[in-house]
N, C-alpha and C. Protein backbone atom coordinates (compact mmCIF):
# COMPACT_ATOMS: atom_id res chain seq x y z
N UNK A 1 -6.40 -48.59 -83.17
CA UNK A 1 -5.62 -48.29 -81.99
C UNK A 1 -4.81 -49.51 -81.56
N UNK A 2 -5.37 -50.68 -81.75
CA UNK A 2 -4.66 -51.91 -81.39
C UNK A 2 -3.36 -52.03 -82.17
N UNK A 3 -3.42 -51.72 -83.46
CA UNK A 3 -2.22 -51.81 -84.30
C UNK A 3 -1.15 -50.85 -83.82
N UNK A 4 -1.54 -49.65 -83.42
CA UNK A 4 -0.59 -48.67 -82.93
C UNK A 4 0.15 -49.18 -81.70
N UNK A 5 -0.58 -49.74 -80.74
CA UNK A 5 0.05 -50.25 -79.52
C UNK A 5 0.85 -51.52 -79.80
N UNK A 6 0.41 -52.33 -80.74
CA UNK A 6 1.17 -53.52 -81.10
C UNK A 6 2.52 -53.14 -81.72
N UNK A 7 2.50 -52.16 -82.60
CA UNK A 7 3.75 -51.71 -83.22
C UNK A 7 4.66 -51.07 -82.17
N UNK A 8 4.10 -50.28 -81.28
CA UNK A 8 4.90 -49.66 -80.21
C UNK A 8 5.50 -50.73 -79.31
N UNK A 9 4.77 -51.80 -79.05
CA UNK A 9 5.28 -52.90 -78.24
C UNK A 9 6.48 -53.55 -78.92
N UNK A 10 6.35 -53.83 -80.20
CA UNK A 10 7.43 -54.49 -80.93
C UNK A 10 8.67 -53.59 -81.00
N UNK A 11 8.47 -52.31 -81.28
CA UNK A 11 9.61 -51.40 -81.42
C UNK A 11 10.33 -51.22 -80.08
N UNK A 12 9.59 -50.93 -79.01
CA UNK A 12 10.26 -50.73 -77.73
C UNK A 12 10.83 -52.04 -77.18
N UNK A 13 10.19 -53.15 -77.46
CA UNK A 13 10.75 -54.44 -77.07
C UNK A 13 12.06 -54.71 -77.78
N UNK A 14 12.13 -54.39 -79.07
CA UNK A 14 13.35 -54.57 -79.83
C UNK A 14 14.46 -53.65 -79.31
N UNK A 15 14.11 -52.42 -78.99
CA UNK A 15 15.10 -51.49 -78.43
C UNK A 15 15.60 -52.00 -77.09
N UNK A 16 14.70 -52.53 -76.25
CA UNK A 16 15.11 -53.08 -74.96
C UNK A 16 16.06 -54.26 -75.14
N UNK A 17 15.78 -55.12 -76.11
CA UNK A 17 16.68 -56.25 -76.38
C UNK A 17 18.03 -55.77 -76.89
N UNK A 18 18.05 -54.76 -77.75
CA UNK A 18 19.31 -54.20 -78.23
C UNK A 18 20.12 -53.60 -77.09
N UNK A 19 19.46 -52.86 -76.21
CA UNK A 19 20.16 -52.27 -75.07
C UNK A 19 20.70 -53.35 -74.14
N UNK A 20 19.93 -54.41 -73.97
CA UNK A 20 20.38 -55.53 -73.14
C UNK A 20 21.60 -56.21 -73.76
N UNK A 21 21.60 -56.34 -75.08
CA UNK A 21 22.75 -56.91 -75.79
C UNK A 21 23.98 -56.02 -75.62
N UNK A 22 23.80 -54.71 -75.78
CA UNK A 22 24.93 -53.79 -75.61
C UNK A 22 25.47 -53.84 -74.18
N UNK A 23 24.58 -53.95 -73.22
CA UNK A 23 25.01 -54.00 -71.83
C UNK A 23 25.80 -55.27 -71.54
N UNK A 24 25.42 -56.35 -72.19
CA UNK A 24 26.10 -57.62 -71.95
C UNK A 24 27.44 -57.73 -72.68
N UNK A 25 27.60 -57.01 -73.79
CA UNK A 25 28.80 -57.20 -74.60
C UNK A 25 29.77 -56.03 -74.57
N UNK A 26 29.37 -54.90 -74.02
CA UNK A 26 30.24 -53.73 -74.04
C UNK A 26 30.29 -53.07 -72.66
N UNK A 27 31.30 -52.25 -72.49
CA UNK A 27 31.38 -51.46 -71.27
C UNK A 27 30.40 -50.29 -71.41
N UNK A 28 29.55 -50.13 -70.43
CA UNK A 28 28.53 -49.09 -70.50
C UNK A 28 28.73 -48.10 -69.35
N UNK A 29 28.01 -47.00 -69.43
CA UNK A 29 28.12 -45.96 -68.43
C UNK A 29 27.23 -46.28 -67.22
N UNK A 30 27.48 -45.63 -66.08
CA UNK A 30 26.62 -45.86 -64.91
C UNK A 30 25.18 -45.45 -65.22
N UNK A 31 24.25 -46.25 -64.81
CA UNK A 31 22.85 -45.96 -65.04
C UNK A 31 22.28 -46.58 -66.30
N UNK A 32 23.12 -47.18 -67.12
CA UNK A 32 22.65 -47.77 -68.37
C UNK A 32 21.67 -48.90 -68.11
N UNK A 33 21.93 -49.70 -67.09
CA UNK A 33 21.03 -50.80 -66.75
C UNK A 33 19.66 -50.31 -66.32
N UNK A 34 19.63 -49.20 -65.61
CA UNK A 34 18.35 -48.64 -65.19
C UNK A 34 17.55 -48.13 -66.40
N UNK A 35 18.24 -47.51 -67.34
CA UNK A 35 17.54 -47.06 -68.56
C UNK A 35 17.05 -48.25 -69.38
N UNK A 36 17.85 -49.30 -69.43
CA UNK A 36 17.45 -50.51 -70.14
C UNK A 36 16.21 -51.12 -69.51
N UNK A 37 16.20 -51.21 -68.19
CA UNK A 37 15.02 -51.74 -67.50
C UNK A 37 13.82 -50.83 -67.71
N UNK A 38 14.04 -49.52 -67.76
CA UNK A 38 12.94 -48.59 -68.01
C UNK A 38 12.31 -48.81 -69.38
N UNK A 39 13.14 -49.01 -70.39
CA UNK A 39 12.60 -49.28 -71.74
C UNK A 39 11.86 -50.61 -71.74
N UNK A 40 12.36 -51.58 -71.01
CA UNK A 40 11.66 -52.87 -70.92
C UNK A 40 10.29 -52.73 -70.29
N UNK A 41 10.20 -51.92 -69.24
CA UNK A 41 8.89 -51.69 -68.62
C UNK A 41 7.95 -50.91 -69.54
N UNK A 42 8.49 -50.01 -70.35
CA UNK A 42 7.64 -49.32 -71.32
C UNK A 42 7.08 -50.30 -72.35
N UNK A 43 7.90 -51.26 -72.77
CA UNK A 43 7.43 -52.28 -73.71
C UNK A 43 6.32 -53.11 -73.08
N UNK A 44 6.48 -53.45 -71.80
CA UNK A 44 5.43 -54.21 -71.10
C UNK A 44 4.15 -53.38 -70.99
N UNK A 45 4.30 -52.09 -70.72
CA UNK A 45 3.13 -51.22 -70.65
C UNK A 45 2.38 -51.16 -71.98
N UNK A 46 3.14 -51.02 -73.08
CA UNK A 46 2.50 -51.03 -74.39
C UNK A 46 1.83 -52.37 -74.67
N UNK A 47 2.45 -53.44 -74.22
CA UNK A 47 1.86 -54.77 -74.42
C UNK A 47 0.51 -54.88 -73.72
N UNK A 48 0.43 -54.39 -72.49
CA UNK A 48 -0.85 -54.44 -71.78
C UNK A 48 -1.90 -53.59 -72.47
N UNK A 49 -1.50 -52.45 -73.01
CA UNK A 49 -2.47 -51.63 -73.75
C UNK A 49 -2.91 -52.33 -75.04
N UNK A 50 -1.99 -53.04 -75.69
CA UNK A 50 -2.33 -53.76 -76.91
C UNK A 50 -3.28 -54.92 -76.63
N UNK A 51 -3.18 -55.49 -75.43
CA UNK A 51 -4.04 -56.63 -75.08
C UNK A 51 -5.39 -56.20 -74.52
N UNK A 52 -5.65 -54.92 -74.47
CA UNK A 52 -6.93 -54.45 -73.95
C UNK A 52 -8.06 -55.01 -74.82
N UNK A 53 -9.00 -55.66 -74.18
CA UNK A 53 -10.09 -56.32 -74.88
C UNK A 53 -9.93 -57.84 -74.89
N UNK A 54 -8.69 -58.31 -74.89
CA UNK A 54 -8.44 -59.74 -74.84
C UNK A 54 -8.30 -60.25 -73.41
N UNK A 55 -7.80 -59.41 -72.53
CA UNK A 55 -7.68 -59.77 -71.11
C UNK A 55 -8.54 -58.79 -70.32
N UNK A 56 -8.81 -59.07 -69.06
CA UNK A 56 -9.70 -58.20 -68.30
C UNK A 56 -9.23 -56.74 -68.28
N UNK A 57 -10.18 -55.83 -68.30
CA UNK A 57 -9.89 -54.40 -68.39
C UNK A 57 -9.07 -53.92 -67.20
N UNK A 58 -9.40 -54.41 -66.00
CA UNK A 58 -8.69 -53.91 -64.82
C UNK A 58 -7.20 -54.22 -64.91
N UNK A 59 -6.84 -55.38 -65.47
CA UNK A 59 -5.42 -55.73 -65.55
C UNK A 59 -4.68 -54.83 -66.53
N UNK A 60 -5.30 -54.49 -67.65
CA UNK A 60 -4.62 -53.61 -68.59
C UNK A 60 -4.50 -52.21 -68.03
N UNK A 61 -5.50 -51.74 -67.32
CA UNK A 61 -5.45 -50.39 -66.76
C UNK A 61 -4.40 -50.31 -65.67
N UNK A 62 -4.46 -51.22 -64.71
CA UNK A 62 -3.56 -51.13 -63.57
C UNK A 62 -2.13 -51.52 -63.93
N UNK A 63 -1.94 -52.65 -64.58
CA UNK A 63 -0.59 -53.11 -64.87
C UNK A 63 0.08 -52.27 -65.96
N UNK A 64 -0.69 -51.84 -66.94
CA UNK A 64 -0.12 -50.98 -67.99
C UNK A 64 0.35 -49.65 -67.44
N UNK A 65 -0.47 -48.99 -66.65
CA UNK A 65 -0.07 -47.70 -66.08
C UNK A 65 1.05 -47.86 -65.07
N UNK A 66 1.04 -48.95 -64.30
CA UNK A 66 2.14 -49.19 -63.36
C UNK A 66 3.45 -49.39 -64.11
N UNK A 67 3.41 -50.14 -65.20
CA UNK A 67 4.63 -50.38 -65.97
C UNK A 67 5.17 -49.08 -66.56
N UNK A 68 4.29 -48.23 -67.07
CA UNK A 68 4.73 -46.95 -67.62
C UNK A 68 5.34 -46.06 -66.55
N UNK A 69 4.69 -45.95 -65.40
CA UNK A 69 5.21 -45.06 -64.37
C UNK A 69 6.52 -45.60 -63.78
N UNK A 70 6.63 -46.90 -63.61
CA UNK A 70 7.88 -47.48 -63.10
C UNK A 70 9.00 -47.32 -64.14
N UNK A 71 8.66 -47.46 -65.41
CA UNK A 71 9.66 -47.25 -66.46
C UNK A 71 10.21 -45.84 -66.46
N UNK A 72 9.36 -44.86 -66.23
CA UNK A 72 9.82 -43.47 -66.19
C UNK A 72 10.70 -43.21 -64.97
N UNK A 73 10.36 -43.81 -63.84
CA UNK A 73 11.19 -43.65 -62.64
C UNK A 73 12.56 -44.30 -62.85
N UNK A 74 12.59 -45.45 -63.50
CA UNK A 74 13.87 -46.10 -63.80
C UNK A 74 14.71 -45.25 -64.75
N UNK A 75 14.06 -44.61 -65.73
CA UNK A 75 14.78 -43.69 -66.61
C UNK A 75 15.37 -42.53 -65.83
N UNK A 76 14.59 -41.96 -64.94
CA UNK A 76 15.07 -40.86 -64.11
C UNK A 76 16.28 -41.29 -63.28
N UNK A 77 16.19 -42.45 -62.66
CA UNK A 77 17.29 -42.93 -61.84
C UNK A 77 18.53 -43.21 -62.70
N UNK A 78 18.33 -43.74 -63.88
CA UNK A 78 19.46 -43.98 -64.78
C UNK A 78 20.14 -42.69 -65.21
N UNK A 79 19.36 -41.66 -65.49
CA UNK A 79 19.93 -40.36 -65.87
C UNK A 79 20.67 -39.75 -64.69
N UNK A 80 20.12 -39.85 -63.49
CA UNK A 80 20.79 -39.31 -62.31
C UNK A 80 22.12 -40.02 -62.07
N UNK A 81 22.15 -41.33 -62.24
CA UNK A 81 23.40 -42.08 -62.05
C UNK A 81 24.40 -41.75 -63.15
N UNK A 82 23.92 -41.52 -64.38
CA UNK A 82 24.81 -41.15 -65.47
C UNK A 82 25.49 -39.80 -65.19
N UNK A 83 24.77 -38.88 -64.59
CA UNK A 83 25.31 -37.56 -64.29
C UNK A 83 26.07 -37.53 -62.96
N UNK A 84 26.30 -38.68 -62.35
CA UNK A 84 26.99 -38.83 -61.08
C UNK A 84 26.30 -38.07 -59.96
N UNK A 85 24.98 -37.97 -60.02
CA UNK A 85 24.19 -37.40 -58.94
C UNK A 85 23.82 -38.51 -57.97
N UNK A 86 23.21 -38.15 -56.87
CA UNK A 86 22.74 -39.17 -55.94
C UNK A 86 21.64 -39.99 -56.62
N UNK A 87 21.59 -41.29 -56.37
CA UNK A 87 20.51 -42.10 -56.94
C UNK A 87 19.15 -41.60 -56.47
N UNK A 88 18.15 -41.89 -57.25
CA UNK A 88 16.79 -41.47 -56.91
C UNK A 88 16.38 -42.10 -55.58
N UNK A 89 15.69 -41.33 -54.77
CA UNK A 89 15.31 -41.81 -53.44
C UNK A 89 14.16 -42.81 -53.55
N UNK A 90 13.89 -43.45 -52.44
CA UNK A 90 12.80 -44.42 -52.40
C UNK A 90 11.45 -43.78 -52.64
N UNK A 91 11.36 -42.47 -52.39
CA UNK A 91 10.09 -41.76 -52.64
C UNK A 91 9.72 -41.81 -54.12
N UNK A 92 10.72 -41.70 -54.99
CA UNK A 92 10.44 -41.79 -56.42
C UNK A 92 9.90 -43.16 -56.80
N UNK A 93 10.46 -44.19 -56.15
CA UNK A 93 10.00 -45.55 -56.45
C UNK A 93 8.65 -45.85 -55.82
N UNK A 94 8.21 -45.01 -54.88
CA UNK A 94 6.88 -45.17 -54.29
C UNK A 94 5.81 -44.50 -55.15
N UNK A 95 6.21 -43.62 -56.05
CA UNK A 95 5.22 -42.92 -56.88
C UNK A 95 4.39 -43.85 -57.76
N UNK A 96 4.97 -44.90 -58.37
CA UNK A 96 4.10 -45.80 -59.13
C UNK A 96 3.00 -46.44 -58.28
N UNK A 97 3.27 -46.68 -57.01
CA UNK A 97 2.23 -47.21 -56.13
C UNK A 97 1.16 -46.15 -55.88
N UNK A 98 1.57 -44.89 -55.81
CA UNK A 98 0.59 -43.80 -55.68
C UNK A 98 -0.27 -43.69 -56.94
N UNK A 99 0.33 -43.95 -58.08
CA UNK A 99 -0.44 -43.98 -59.33
C UNK A 99 -1.49 -45.08 -59.27
N UNK A 100 -1.10 -46.24 -58.77
CA UNK A 100 -2.07 -47.34 -58.63
C UNK A 100 -3.18 -46.98 -57.66
N UNK A 101 -2.84 -46.30 -56.58
CA UNK A 101 -3.88 -45.89 -55.62
C UNK A 101 -4.85 -44.91 -56.26
N UNK A 102 -4.34 -43.96 -57.02
CA UNK A 102 -5.22 -43.02 -57.72
C UNK A 102 -6.09 -43.71 -58.76
N UNK A 103 -5.52 -44.65 -59.47
CA UNK A 103 -6.30 -45.42 -60.44
C UNK A 103 -7.40 -46.21 -59.76
N UNK A 104 -7.08 -46.82 -58.63
CA UNK A 104 -8.08 -47.59 -57.90
C UNK A 104 -9.21 -46.71 -57.43
N UNK A 105 -8.87 -45.51 -56.98
CA UNK A 105 -9.87 -44.56 -56.52
C UNK A 105 -10.88 -44.23 -57.62
N UNK A 106 -10.36 -43.97 -58.82
CA UNK A 106 -11.25 -43.59 -59.92
C UNK A 106 -11.85 -44.78 -60.65
N UNK A 107 -11.18 -45.94 -60.62
CA UNK A 107 -11.69 -47.10 -61.33
C UNK A 107 -12.85 -47.75 -60.59
N UNK A 108 -12.71 -47.85 -59.26
CA UNK A 108 -13.75 -48.52 -58.48
C UNK A 108 -14.69 -47.49 -57.92
């Protein structure tokens, strides 16, 4: 399982770096930066899952799940901005904190 998460970390990290390069060198569409940040947070989430066992369990559970949920919200906001819809409200950005609260409830 460690190898799977390590490979996912490398692949999504490479994709995030490529997207960051494209954003810096080319004209991009609205919301591209949000999608790029979302992929970066997914790479961080995979990294925390890959480090499970090497660092304390609570940090991998809480920070990994927070990174995944925040990455998905950033993707949603990027898609909404690409479609020229209203940006995602602050309620969407509060959902990752609700995920942390639920995790704390069940973890402790």
